């Protein structure tokens, strides 16, 4: 990661729409909603000071918990 980047930004989560996220949104609004949920969970975890890998694991765990309900 470049030292000039603020710590809150991450190379894994581009702010602009990537071709992949555009395709997912076009595919279905449900997919888009899940994509947003995942990004939000990751951002929330990283805001709490977790590393990128921990944030991803945290988001996956939260989604699995929701699906188990």
N, C-alpha and C. Protein backbone atom coordinates (compact mmCIF):
# COMPACT_ATOMS: atom_id res chain seq x y z
N UNK A 1 0.85 -1.20 0.00
CA UNK A 1 0.00 0.00 0.00
C UNK A 1 0.89 1.25 0.00
N UNK A 2 0.51 2.22 -0.77
CA UNK A 2 1.30 3.45 -0.86
C UNK A 2 1.15 4.25 0.44
N UNK A 3 2.25 4.79 0.95
CA UNK A 3 2.17 5.53 2.21
C UNK A 3 1.31 6.80 2.12
N UNK A 4 1.10 7.31 0.90
CA UNK A 4 0.30 8.52 0.74
C UNK A 4 -1.20 8.26 0.91
N UNK A 5 -1.61 6.99 0.84
CA UNK A 5 -3.02 6.66 0.98
C UNK A 5 -3.47 6.81 2.44
N UNK A 6 -4.67 7.35 2.67
CA UNK A 6 -5.18 7.37 4.05
C UNK A 6 -5.46 5.94 4.52
N UNK A 7 -5.30 5.66 5.81
CA UNK A 7 -5.46 4.29 6.30
C UNK A 7 -6.86 3.73 6.10
N UNK A 8 -7.85 4.61 5.96
CA UNK A 8 -9.22 4.13 5.82
C UNK A 8 -9.49 3.56 4.43
N UNK A 9 -8.68 3.93 3.44
CA UNK A 9 -8.92 3.40 2.09
C UNK A 9 -8.16 2.09 1.91
N UNK A 10 -8.69 1.25 1.05
CA UNK A 10 -8.05 -0.05 0.81
C UNK A 10 -8.05 -0.34 -0.67
N UNK A 11 -6.97 -0.90 -1.16
CA UNK A 11 -6.86 -1.22 -2.58
C UNK A 11 -7.86 -2.32 -2.98
N UNK A 12 -8.35 -3.10 -2.02
CA UNK A 12 -9.28 -4.17 -2.33
C UNK A 12 -10.69 -3.68 -2.59
N UNK A 13 -11.00 -2.47 -2.14
CA UNK A 13 -12.34 -1.94 -2.28
C UNK A 13 -12.30 -0.63 -3.06
N UNK A 14 -12.24 -0.71 -4.39
CA UNK A 14 -12.20 0.52 -5.18
C UNK A 14 -13.47 1.33 -5.01
N UNK A 15 -13.35 2.64 -4.95
CA UNK A 15 -14.52 3.49 -4.74
C UNK A 15 -15.37 3.58 -6.00
N UNK A 16 -14.74 3.51 -7.16
CA UNK A 16 -15.49 3.59 -8.42
C UNK A 16 -16.10 2.24 -8.76
N UNK A 17 -17.12 2.25 -9.61
CA UNK A 17 -17.73 0.98 -10.00
C UNK A 17 -16.80 0.18 -10.90
N UNK A 18 -16.47 -1.02 -10.50
CA UNK A 18 -15.63 -1.88 -11.32
C UNK A 18 -16.53 -2.61 -12.32
N UNK A 19 -15.97 -3.13 -13.40
CA UNK A 19 -16.81 -3.88 -14.35
C UNK A 19 -17.55 -5.04 -13.67
N UNK A 20 -16.90 -5.65 -12.69
CA UNK A 20 -17.50 -6.79 -12.01
C UNK A 20 -18.72 -6.35 -11.20
N UNK A 21 -18.62 -5.25 -10.44
CA UNK A 21 -19.75 -4.82 -9.63
C UNK A 21 -20.89 -4.30 -10.51
N UNK A 22 -20.54 -3.67 -11.64
CA UNK A 22 -21.58 -3.22 -12.58
C UNK A 22 -22.34 -4.42 -13.12
N UNK A 23 -21.60 -5.49 -13.45
CA UNK A 23 -22.22 -6.70 -13.97
C UNK A 23 -23.13 -7.33 -12.92
N UNK A 24 -22.67 -7.37 -11.68
CA UNK A 24 -23.46 -7.95 -10.60
C UNK A 24 -24.74 -7.14 -10.38
N UNK A 25 -24.63 -5.82 -10.45
CA UNK A 25 -25.80 -4.97 -10.26
C UNK A 25 -26.79 -5.16 -11.41
N UNK A 26 -26.27 -5.33 -12.63
CA UNK A 26 -27.14 -5.55 -13.78
C UNK A 26 -27.81 -6.92 -13.69
N UNK A 27 -27.10 -7.87 -13.13
CA UNK A 27 -27.60 -9.24 -13.01
C UNK A 27 -28.85 -9.27 -12.12
N UNK A 28 -28.78 -8.64 -10.96
CA UNK A 28 -29.91 -8.64 -10.04
C UNK A 28 -29.68 -7.65 -8.92
N UNK A 29 -30.75 -7.00 -8.50
CA UNK A 29 -30.63 -6.03 -7.42
C UNK A 29 -30.30 -6.72 -6.10
N UNK A 30 -30.70 -7.98 -5.98
CA UNK A 30 -30.38 -8.76 -4.78
C UNK A 30 -28.87 -8.95 -4.67
N UNK A 31 -28.25 -9.30 -5.79
CA UNK A 31 -26.79 -9.47 -5.82
C UNK A 31 -26.11 -8.17 -5.44
N UNK A 32 -26.62 -7.07 -5.96
CA UNK A 32 -26.06 -5.75 -5.66
C UNK A 32 -26.19 -5.46 -4.17
N UNK A 33 -27.33 -5.81 -3.59
CA UNK A 33 -27.55 -5.59 -2.16
C UNK A 33 -26.58 -6.40 -1.32
N UNK A 34 -26.34 -7.64 -1.72
CA UNK A 34 -25.39 -8.49 -1.00
C UNK A 34 -23.98 -7.93 -1.12
N UNK A 35 -23.66 -7.43 -2.30
CA UNK A 35 -22.35 -6.84 -2.55
C UNK A 35 -22.14 -5.65 -1.62
N UNK A 36 -23.16 -4.79 -1.52
CA UNK A 36 -23.09 -3.63 -0.63
C UNK A 36 -22.96 -4.06 0.82
N UNK A 37 -23.74 -5.07 1.21
CA UNK A 37 -23.67 -5.58 2.58
C UNK A 37 -22.26 -6.05 2.92
N UNK A 38 -21.67 -6.81 2.00
CA UNK A 38 -20.33 -7.33 2.21
C UNK A 38 -19.32 -6.20 2.34
N UNK A 39 -19.41 -5.21 1.44
CA UNK A 39 -18.50 -4.06 1.49
C UNK A 39 -18.67 -3.30 2.80
N UNK A 40 -19.93 -3.12 3.22
CA UNK A 40 -20.20 -2.40 4.46
C UNK A 40 -19.65 -3.13 5.68
N UNK A 41 -19.82 -4.45 5.71
CA UNK A 41 -19.29 -5.25 6.82
C UNK A 41 -17.76 -5.16 6.86
N UNK A 42 -17.12 -5.23 5.70
CA UNK A 42 -15.66 -5.13 5.64
C UNK A 42 -15.21 -3.74 6.09
N UNK A 43 -15.89 -2.72 5.61
CA UNK A 43 -15.53 -1.34 5.98
C UNK A 43 -15.70 -1.12 7.48
N UNK A 44 -16.78 -1.67 8.03
CA UNK A 44 -17.05 -1.56 9.47
C UNK A 44 -15.94 -2.23 10.27
N UNK A 45 -15.54 -3.41 9.85
CA UNK A 45 -14.48 -4.14 10.54
C UNK A 45 -13.15 -3.41 10.44
N UNK A 46 -12.84 -2.88 9.27
CA UNK A 46 -11.58 -2.15 9.09
C UNK A 46 -11.59 -0.85 9.88
N UNK A 47 -12.77 -0.24 10.02
CA UNK A 47 -12.91 0.98 10.81
C UNK A 47 -12.60 0.68 12.29
N UNK A 48 -12.91 -0.54 12.72
CA UNK A 48 -12.62 -0.96 14.10
C UNK A 48 -11.15 -1.31 14.29
N UNK A 49 -10.36 -1.18 13.22
CA UNK A 49 -8.92 -1.42 13.33
C UNK A 49 -8.45 -2.79 12.90
N UNK A 50 -9.34 -3.57 12.31
CA UNK A 50 -8.93 -4.89 11.83
C UNK A 50 -8.15 -4.75 10.54
N UNK A 51 -7.29 -5.71 10.28
CA UNK A 51 -6.57 -5.74 9.01
C UNK A 51 -7.50 -6.20 7.91
N UNK A 52 -7.02 -6.13 6.68
CA UNK A 52 -7.85 -6.48 5.53
C UNK A 52 -8.34 -7.93 5.60
N UNK A 53 -7.42 -8.85 5.92
CA UNK A 53 -7.79 -10.27 5.98
C UNK A 53 -8.79 -10.52 7.11
N UNK A 54 -8.54 -9.91 8.28
CA UNK A 54 -9.46 -10.07 9.41
C UNK A 54 -10.83 -9.51 9.07
N UNK A 55 -10.85 -8.37 8.37
CA UNK A 55 -12.11 -7.74 8.00
C UNK A 55 -12.92 -8.64 7.07
N UNK A 56 -12.24 -9.28 6.13
CA UNK A 56 -12.93 -10.20 5.21
C UNK A 56 -13.51 -11.38 5.99
N UNK A 57 -12.72 -11.95 6.90
CA UNK A 57 -13.18 -13.09 7.70
C UNK A 57 -14.36 -12.67 8.58
N UNK A 58 -14.29 -11.47 9.14
CA UNK A 58 -15.37 -10.94 9.97
C UNK A 58 -16.66 -10.83 9.16
N UNK A 59 -16.55 -10.27 7.95
CA UNK A 59 -17.72 -10.08 7.09
C UNK A 59 -18.33 -11.43 6.71
N UNK A 60 -17.49 -12.39 6.35
CA UNK A 60 -17.97 -13.73 5.98
C UNK A 60 -18.69 -14.37 7.16
N UNK A 61 -18.11 -14.25 8.34
CA UNK A 61 -18.72 -14.84 9.54
C UNK A 61 -20.09 -14.22 9.82
N UNK A 62 -20.18 -12.90 9.69
CA UNK A 62 -21.45 -12.19 9.92
C UNK A 62 -22.51 -12.65 8.92
N UNK A 63 -22.12 -12.80 7.66
CA UNK A 63 -23.06 -13.23 6.62
C UNK A 63 -23.51 -14.67 6.89
N UNK A 64 -22.58 -15.53 7.29
CA UNK A 64 -22.94 -16.91 7.61
C UNK A 64 -23.92 -16.96 8.78
N UNK A 65 -23.71 -16.09 9.77
CA UNK A 65 -24.63 -16.03 10.91
C UNK A 65 -26.03 -15.61 10.46
N UNK A 66 -26.11 -14.63 9.57
CA UNK A 66 -27.40 -14.17 9.04
C UNK A 66 -28.09 -15.28 8.25
N UNK A 67 -27.33 -16.02 7.46
CA UNK A 67 -27.90 -17.10 6.64
C UNK A 67 -28.40 -18.26 7.50
N UNK A 68 -27.78 -18.45 8.66
CA UNK A 68 -28.15 -19.55 9.54
C UNK A 68 -29.48 -19.30 10.26
N UNK A 69 -29.92 -18.04 10.27
CA UNK A 69 -31.16 -17.70 10.98
C UNK A 69 -32.38 -18.27 10.27
